Amino acid sequence: MSENDTAHVAGQHTAHEVHVAHRVAGGATVVSLHGVIDALTAPALSLRLDALTTGPELDLVLDLRPVTFIDCAGLGVLCRARNRMLARQGRLRLITESASLRRILRVTGLGDVFEVHTRPPQPLPGPQG
């Protein structure tokens, strides 16, 4: 599986796509999501996150700062990833500077469900293993 993927719907290039890139930083898998997370992109994104939530890392960080839109299907993908990490005694963190996304989380009752930060975790000092 490559580090960078694009989730496309039925192989069509549309405005509805989300780009996914991941890296390990400070002991956490940091996944940067770019674009739209909606009913069209959610299935492919869910598969991608399913693969990452079965990996050896127990700390998953989803960087949502470059996300331009998220709907209820996208929130469902986030909830699924969170539940999969918790089932493994892991941790899921969301990174966003968007007041709109924070409001959506709060209004949908998910504001206290997710650990939300404005910045990604900083790498730990010293050599990384």
N, C-alpha and C. Protein backbone atom coordinates (compact mmCIF):
# COMPACT_ATOMS: atom_id res chain seq x y z
N MET A 1 0.86 -1.17 0.00
CA MET A 1 0.00 0.00 0.00
C MET A 1 0.90 1.23 0.00
N SER A 2 0.65 2.16 -0.88
CA SER A 2 1.49 3.35 -0.98
C SER A 2 1.12 4.34 0.12
N GLU A 3 2.04 5.27 0.38
CA GLU A 3 1.77 6.29 1.39
C GLU A 3 0.75 7.31 0.93
N ASN A 4 0.64 7.52 -0.37
CA ASN A 4 -0.29 8.52 -0.88
C ASN A 4 -1.30 7.84 -1.79
N ASP A 5 -2.56 8.07 -1.53
CA ASP A 5 -3.64 7.50 -2.32
C ASP A 5 -4.69 8.57 -2.57
N THR A 6 -5.45 8.36 -3.60
CA THR A 6 -6.61 9.19 -3.85
C THR A 6 -7.82 8.29 -3.91
N ALA A 7 -8.84 8.60 -3.13
CA ALA A 7 -10.06 7.81 -3.14
C ALA A 7 -10.97 8.38 -4.21
N HIS A 8 -11.19 7.60 -5.27
CA HIS A 8 -12.07 8.02 -6.36
C HIS A 8 -13.33 7.18 -6.33
N VAL A 9 -14.40 7.71 -6.80
CA VAL A 9 -15.66 7.01 -6.86
C VAL A 9 -15.80 6.37 -8.23
N ALA A 10 -15.91 5.05 -8.24
CA ALA A 10 -16.11 4.28 -9.46
C ALA A 10 -15.15 4.68 -10.56
N GLY A 11 -13.93 5.04 -10.18
CA GLY A 11 -12.92 5.37 -11.17
C GLY A 11 -13.15 6.68 -11.89
N GLN A 12 -14.15 7.44 -11.50
CA GLN A 12 -14.44 8.70 -12.16
C GLN A 12 -13.67 9.82 -11.49
N HIS A 13 -13.15 10.74 -12.31
CA HIS A 13 -12.50 11.92 -11.76
C HIS A 13 -13.57 13.00 -11.65
N THR A 14 -13.91 13.34 -10.43
CA THR A 14 -14.94 14.35 -10.18
C THR A 14 -14.41 15.32 -9.14
N ALA A 15 -15.20 16.29 -8.84
CA ALA A 15 -14.84 17.23 -7.78
C ALA A 15 -14.93 16.54 -6.41
N HIS A 16 -15.58 15.38 -6.38
CA HIS A 16 -15.75 14.65 -5.13
C HIS A 16 -14.66 13.62 -4.97
N GLU A 17 -13.54 14.06 -4.45
CA GLU A 17 -12.46 13.13 -4.14
C GLU A 17 -11.76 13.63 -2.89
N VAL A 18 -11.12 12.68 -2.25
CA VAL A 18 -10.34 13.02 -1.07
C VAL A 18 -8.96 12.39 -1.26
N HIS A 19 -7.95 13.18 -1.03
CA HIS A 19 -6.57 12.71 -1.14
C HIS A 19 -6.11 12.32 0.27
N VAL A 20 -5.42 11.20 0.35
CA VAL A 20 -4.97 10.67 1.63
C VAL A 20 -3.46 10.47 1.59
N ALA A 21 -2.77 11.01 2.56
CA ALA A 21 -1.33 10.79 2.71
C ALA A 21 -1.08 10.49 4.17
N HIS A 22 -0.18 9.53 4.45
CA HIS A 22 0.11 9.25 5.85
C HIS A 22 1.61 9.10 6.08
N ARG A 23 1.98 9.35 7.33
CA ARG A 23 3.37 9.24 7.76
C ARG A 23 3.35 8.93 9.25
N VAL A 24 4.47 8.45 9.76
CA VAL A 24 4.60 8.21 11.20
C VAL A 24 5.42 9.35 11.78
N ALA A 25 4.89 9.97 12.84
CA ALA A 25 5.57 11.10 13.50
C ALA A 25 5.34 10.99 15.00
N GLY A 26 6.41 10.99 15.75
CA GLY A 26 6.28 10.97 17.20
C GLY A 26 5.53 9.77 17.72
N GLY A 27 5.65 8.62 17.05
CA GLY A 27 4.97 7.41 17.48
C GLY A 27 3.52 7.32 17.04
N ALA A 28 3.04 8.30 16.31
CA ALA A 28 1.65 8.30 15.83
C ALA A 28 1.63 8.20 14.31
N THR A 29 0.61 7.55 13.79
CA THR A 29 0.37 7.58 12.35
C THR A 29 -0.45 8.82 12.07
N VAL A 30 0.11 9.75 11.31
CA VAL A 30 -0.57 10.99 10.97
C VAL A 30 -1.09 10.88 9.55
N VAL A 31 -2.41 10.99 9.40
CA VAL A 31 -3.06 10.88 8.10
C VAL A 31 -3.59 12.26 7.73
N SER A 32 -3.10 12.79 6.61
CA SER A 32 -3.59 14.07 6.11
C SER A 32 -4.67 13.81 5.07
N LEU A 33 -5.83 14.38 5.29
CA LEU A 33 -6.95 14.24 4.36
C LEU A 33 -7.15 15.58 3.67
N HIS A 34 -7.27 15.56 2.35
CA HIS A 34 -7.43 16.77 1.55
C HIS A 34 -8.66 16.63 0.68
N GLY A 35 -9.51 17.65 0.68
CA GLY A 35 -10.64 17.67 -0.24
C GLY A 35 -11.97 17.46 0.45
N VAL A 36 -12.82 16.69 -0.21
CA VAL A 36 -14.21 16.50 0.19
C VAL A 36 -14.39 15.11 0.80
N ILE A 37 -15.02 15.06 1.96
CA ILE A 37 -15.37 13.77 2.57
C ILE A 37 -16.89 13.73 2.64
N ASP A 38 -17.49 13.01 1.70
CA ASP A 38 -18.94 12.97 1.61
C ASP A 38 -19.39 11.57 1.25
N ALA A 39 -20.67 11.43 0.92
CA ALA A 39 -21.23 10.12 0.59
C ALA A 39 -20.54 9.47 -0.60
N LEU A 40 -19.99 10.26 -1.49
CA LEU A 40 -19.29 9.70 -2.65
C LEU A 40 -17.89 9.20 -2.31
N THR A 41 -17.20 9.87 -1.42
CA THR A 41 -15.82 9.50 -1.11
C THR A 41 -15.70 8.64 0.15
N ALA A 42 -16.74 8.61 0.97
CA ALA A 42 -16.68 7.90 2.25
C ALA A 42 -16.35 6.42 2.12
N PRO A 43 -16.93 5.67 1.18
CA PRO A 43 -16.61 4.24 1.13
C PRO A 43 -15.13 3.95 0.88
N ALA A 44 -14.52 4.63 -0.06
CA ALA A 44 -13.10 4.40 -0.35
C ALA A 44 -12.23 4.88 0.82
N LEU A 45 -12.59 6.00 1.41
CA LEU A 45 -11.83 6.49 2.56
C LEU A 45 -11.95 5.54 3.74
N SER A 46 -13.12 5.00 3.94
CA SER A 46 -13.33 4.05 5.03
C SER A 46 -12.44 2.82 4.86
N LEU A 47 -12.32 2.33 3.63
CA LEU A 47 -11.44 1.19 3.37
C LEU A 47 -9.99 1.54 3.69
N ARG A 48 -9.58 2.72 3.30
CA ARG A 48 -8.21 3.17 3.55
C ARG A 48 -7.93 3.27 5.05
N LEU A 49 -8.87 3.87 5.78
CA LEU A 49 -8.70 4.00 7.23
C LEU A 49 -8.80 2.64 7.92
N ASP A 50 -9.63 1.74 7.39
CA ASP A 50 -9.70 0.39 7.95
C ASP A 50 -8.33 -0.27 7.89
N ALA A 51 -7.63 -0.10 6.78
CA ALA A 51 -6.30 -0.68 6.64
C ALA A 51 -5.34 -0.08 7.66
N LEU A 52 -5.43 1.22 7.86
CA LEU A 52 -4.54 1.88 8.83
C LEU A 52 -4.88 1.52 10.28
N THR A 53 -6.16 1.26 10.56
CA THR A 53 -6.54 0.94 11.94
C THR A 53 -6.28 -0.51 12.28
N THR A 54 -5.79 -1.29 11.35
CA THR A 54 -5.39 -2.66 11.65
C THR A 54 -3.87 -2.78 11.73
N GLY A 55 -3.18 -1.67 11.49
CA GLY A 55 -1.71 -1.66 11.53
C GLY A 55 -1.19 -1.72 12.95
N PRO A 56 0.13 -1.72 13.09
CA PRO A 56 0.74 -1.87 14.41
C PRO A 56 0.62 -0.63 15.30
N GLU A 57 0.45 0.54 14.71
CA GLU A 57 0.38 1.78 15.51
C GLU A 57 -0.96 1.87 16.24
N LEU A 58 -0.91 2.31 17.49
CA LEU A 58 -2.13 2.46 18.29
C LEU A 58 -2.51 3.91 18.48
N ASP A 59 -1.83 4.81 17.78
CA ASP A 59 -2.12 6.24 17.88
C ASP A 59 -2.33 6.77 16.47
N LEU A 60 -3.56 7.10 16.14
CA LEU A 60 -3.91 7.58 14.80
C LEU A 60 -4.35 9.03 14.90
N VAL A 61 -3.74 9.87 14.07
CA VAL A 61 -4.07 11.30 14.03
C VAL A 61 -4.59 11.60 12.64
N LEU A 62 -5.80 12.14 12.55
CA LEU A 62 -6.38 12.54 11.27
C LEU A 62 -6.29 14.05 11.15
N ASP A 63 -5.48 14.51 10.22
CA ASP A 63 -5.31 15.94 9.99
C ASP A 63 -6.37 16.38 8.99
N LEU A 64 -7.38 17.06 9.48
CA LEU A 64 -8.53 17.49 8.66
C LEU A 64 -8.41 18.94 8.22
N ARG A 65 -7.29 19.58 8.50
CA ARG A 65 -7.17 21.01 8.14
C ARG A 65 -7.37 21.26 6.65
N PRO A 66 -6.89 20.39 5.74
CA PRO A 66 -7.11 20.66 4.32
C PRO A 66 -8.48 20.18 3.78
N VAL A 67 -9.34 19.64 4.65
CA VAL A 67 -10.65 19.17 4.21
C VAL A 67 -11.54 20.38 3.95
N THR A 68 -12.16 20.40 2.78
CA THR A 68 -13.00 21.53 2.39
C THR A 68 -14.48 21.32 2.69
N PHE A 69 -14.89 20.04 2.88
CA PHE A 69 -16.30 19.74 3.14
C PHE A 69 -16.38 18.37 3.78
N ILE A 70 -17.30 18.22 4.74
CA ILE A 70 -17.59 16.91 5.32
C ILE A 70 -19.07 16.83 5.59
N ASP A 71 -19.68 15.69 5.26
CA ASP A 71 -21.11 15.50 5.53
C ASP A 71 -21.28 14.37 6.53
N CYS A 72 -22.54 13.93 6.72
CA CYS A 72 -22.80 12.90 7.73
C CYS A 72 -22.11 11.58 7.38
N ALA A 73 -21.95 11.27 6.10
CA ALA A 73 -21.23 10.05 5.72
C ALA A 73 -19.77 10.17 6.15
N GLY A 74 -19.20 11.35 6.00
CA GLY A 74 -17.83 11.58 6.45
C GLY A 74 -17.69 11.46 7.95
N LEU A 75 -18.67 11.99 8.68
CA LEU A 75 -18.65 11.84 10.14
C LEU A 75 -18.73 10.37 10.52
N GLY A 76 -19.50 9.61 9.76
CA GLY A 76 -19.60 8.17 10.00
C GLY A 76 -18.26 7.48 9.84
N VAL A 77 -17.49 7.90 8.84
CA VAL A 77 -16.15 7.34 8.63
C VAL A 77 -15.25 7.66 9.82
N LEU A 78 -15.32 8.88 10.31
CA LEU A 78 -14.53 9.26 11.47
C LEU A 78 -14.92 8.43 12.69
N CYS A 79 -16.21 8.24 12.89
CA CYS A 79 -16.68 7.44 14.03
C CYS A 79 -16.22 5.99 13.91
N ARG A 80 -16.27 5.44 12.69
CA ARG A 80 -15.82 4.06 12.48
C ARG A 80 -14.33 3.93 12.81
N ALA A 81 -13.53 4.86 12.34
CA ALA A 81 -12.09 4.82 12.62
C ALA A 81 -11.85 4.92 14.13
N ARG A 82 -12.57 5.79 14.80
CA ARG A 82 -12.44 5.95 16.25
C ARG A 82 -12.79 4.65 16.95
N ASN A 83 -13.91 4.05 16.58
CA ASN A 83 -14.35 2.81 17.23
C ASN A 83 -13.35 1.68 17.01
N ARG A 84 -12.78 1.61 15.81
CA ARG A 84 -11.79 0.57 15.52
C ARG A 84 -10.52 0.78 16.36
N MET A 85 -10.11 2.02 16.53
CA MET A 85 -8.92 2.28 17.35
C MET A 85 -9.21 1.97 18.82
N LEU A 86 -10.37 2.37 19.33
CA LEU A 86 -10.70 2.12 20.72
C LEU A 86 -10.81 0.62 21.00
N ALA A 87 -11.30 -0.15 20.02
CA ALA A 87 -11.42 -1.60 20.19
C ALA A 87 -10.05 -2.25 20.37
N ARG A 88 -9.01 -1.59 19.89
CA ARG A 88 -7.63 -2.08 20.04
C ARG A 88 -6.91 -1.37 21.18
N GLN A 89 -7.66 -0.66 22.04
CA GLN A 89 -7.10 0.15 23.12
C GLN A 89 -6.16 1.22 22.57
N GLY A 90 -6.52 1.72 21.38
CA GLY A 90 -5.74 2.77 20.74
C GLY A 90 -6.37 4.14 20.94
N ARG A 91 -5.85 5.08 20.19
CA ARG A 91 -6.25 6.49 20.34
C ARG A 91 -6.43 7.10 18.95
N LEU A 92 -7.48 7.90 18.79
CA LEU A 92 -7.71 8.66 17.56
C LEU A 92 -7.82 10.13 17.93
N ARG A 93 -7.06 10.97 17.22
CA ARG A 93 -7.13 12.41 17.42
C ARG A 93 -7.46 13.07 16.09
N LEU A 94 -8.24 14.12 16.14
CA LEU A 94 -8.57 14.92 14.97
C LEU A 94 -7.83 16.24 15.07
N ILE A 95 -7.30 16.71 13.94
CA ILE A 95 -6.64 18.01 13.88
C ILE A 95 -7.45 18.90 12.95
N THR A 96 -7.93 20.01 13.47
CA THR A 96 -8.66 20.97 12.64
C THR A 96 -8.56 22.36 13.26
N GLU A 97 -8.50 23.33 12.40
CA GLU A 97 -8.57 24.73 12.82
C GLU A 97 -9.93 25.32 12.46
N SER A 98 -10.79 24.49 11.88
CA SER A 98 -12.07 24.94 11.36
C SER A 98 -13.12 25.06 12.46
N ALA A 99 -13.61 26.28 12.64
CA ALA A 99 -14.71 26.50 13.59
C ALA A 99 -15.96 25.78 13.10
N SER A 100 -16.14 25.70 11.78
CA SER A 100 -17.31 25.02 11.21
C SER A 100 -17.31 23.53 11.56
N LEU A 101 -16.17 22.88 11.42
CA LEU A 101 -16.10 21.46 11.74
C LEU A 101 -16.30 21.24 13.24
N ARG A 102 -15.71 22.09 14.05
CA ARG A 102 -15.92 21.97 15.49
C ARG A 102 -17.40 22.15 15.84
N ARG A 103 -18.07 23.08 15.18
CA ARG A 103 -19.50 23.30 15.41
C ARG A 103 -20.31 22.08 14.98
N ILE A 104 -19.96 21.51 13.82
CA ILE A 104 -20.66 20.30 13.35
C ILE A 104 -20.50 19.18 14.36
N LEU A 105 -19.30 18.99 14.87
CA LEU A 105 -19.08 17.95 15.87
C LEU A 105 -19.92 18.21 17.11
N ARG A 106 -19.97 19.45 17.55
CA ARG A 106 -20.73 19.80 18.75
C ARG A 106 -22.24 19.59 18.53
N VAL A 107 -22.76 20.07 17.40
CA VAL A 107 -24.20 19.99 17.12
C VAL A 107 -24.66 18.54 16.95
N THR A 108 -23.79 17.70 16.41
CA THR A 108 -24.16 16.29 16.20
C THR A 108 -23.91 15.44 17.44
N GLY A 109 -23.45 16.06 18.52
CA GLY A 109 -23.19 15.32 19.74
C GLY A 109 -21.85 14.62 19.76
N LEU A 110 -20.99 14.93 18.80
CA LEU A 110 -19.68 14.28 18.71
C LEU A 110 -18.55 15.13 19.27
N GLY A 111 -18.90 16.31 19.76
CA GLY A 111 -17.87 17.22 20.26
C GLY A 111 -17.07 16.65 21.41
N ASP A 112 -17.71 15.88 22.26
CA ASP A 112 -17.01 15.29 23.40
C ASP A 112 -16.56 13.86 23.11
N VAL A 113 -16.90 13.35 21.94
CA VAL A 113 -16.53 11.99 21.57
C VAL A 113 -15.10 11.94 21.03
N PHE A 114 -14.75 12.96 20.26
CA PHE A 114 -13.43 13.01 19.63
C PHE A 114 -12.47 13.90 20.42
N GLU A 115 -11.21 13.51 20.39
CA GLU A 115 -10.14 14.34 20.92
C GLU A 115 -9.71 15.26 19.76
N VAL A 116 -9.99 16.55 19.88
CA VAL A 116 -9.76 17.50 18.79
C VAL A 116 -8.68 18.50 19.19
N HIS A 117 -7.72 18.70 18.27
CA HIS A 117 -6.62 19.63 18.48
C HIS A 117 -6.50 20.55 17.27
N THR A 118 -5.79 21.65 17.43
CA THR A 118 -5.57 22.57 16.30
C THR A 118 -4.25 22.30 15.59
N ARG A 119 -3.35 21.52 16.22
CA ARG A 119 -2.04 21.24 15.61
C ARG A 119 -1.73 19.75 15.74
N PRO A 120 -0.98 19.21 14.80
CA PRO A 120 -0.57 17.81 14.90
C PRO A 120 0.44 17.63 16.03
N PRO A 121 0.60 16.38 16.46
CA PRO A 121 1.58 16.15 17.54
C PRO A 121 2.99 16.45 17.06
N GLN A 122 3.80 16.95 17.97
CA GLN A 122 5.19 17.24 17.66
C GLN A 122 6.01 15.96 17.79
N PRO A 123 6.99 15.78 16.91
CA PRO A 123 7.86 14.60 17.05
C PRO A 123 8.58 14.62 18.39
N LEU A 124 8.79 13.46 18.93
CA LEU A 124 9.51 13.36 20.20
C LEU A 124 10.98 13.66 19.97
N PRO A 125 11.67 14.26 20.95
CA PRO A 125 13.09 14.54 20.77
C PRO A 125 13.88 13.24 20.71
N GLY A 126 15.00 13.28 20.01
CA GLY A 126 15.88 12.12 19.90
C GLY A 126 15.54 11.26 18.70
N PRO A 127 16.25 10.14 18.53
CA PRO A 127 16.04 9.28 17.36
C PRO A 127 14.67 8.62 17.40
N GLN A 128 14.07 8.53 16.25
CA GLN A 128 12.78 7.87 16.11
C GLN A 128 13.00 6.43 15.67
N GLY A 129 12.26 5.49 16.25
CA GLY A 129 12.45 4.09 15.95
C GLY A 129 11.55 3.56 14.98
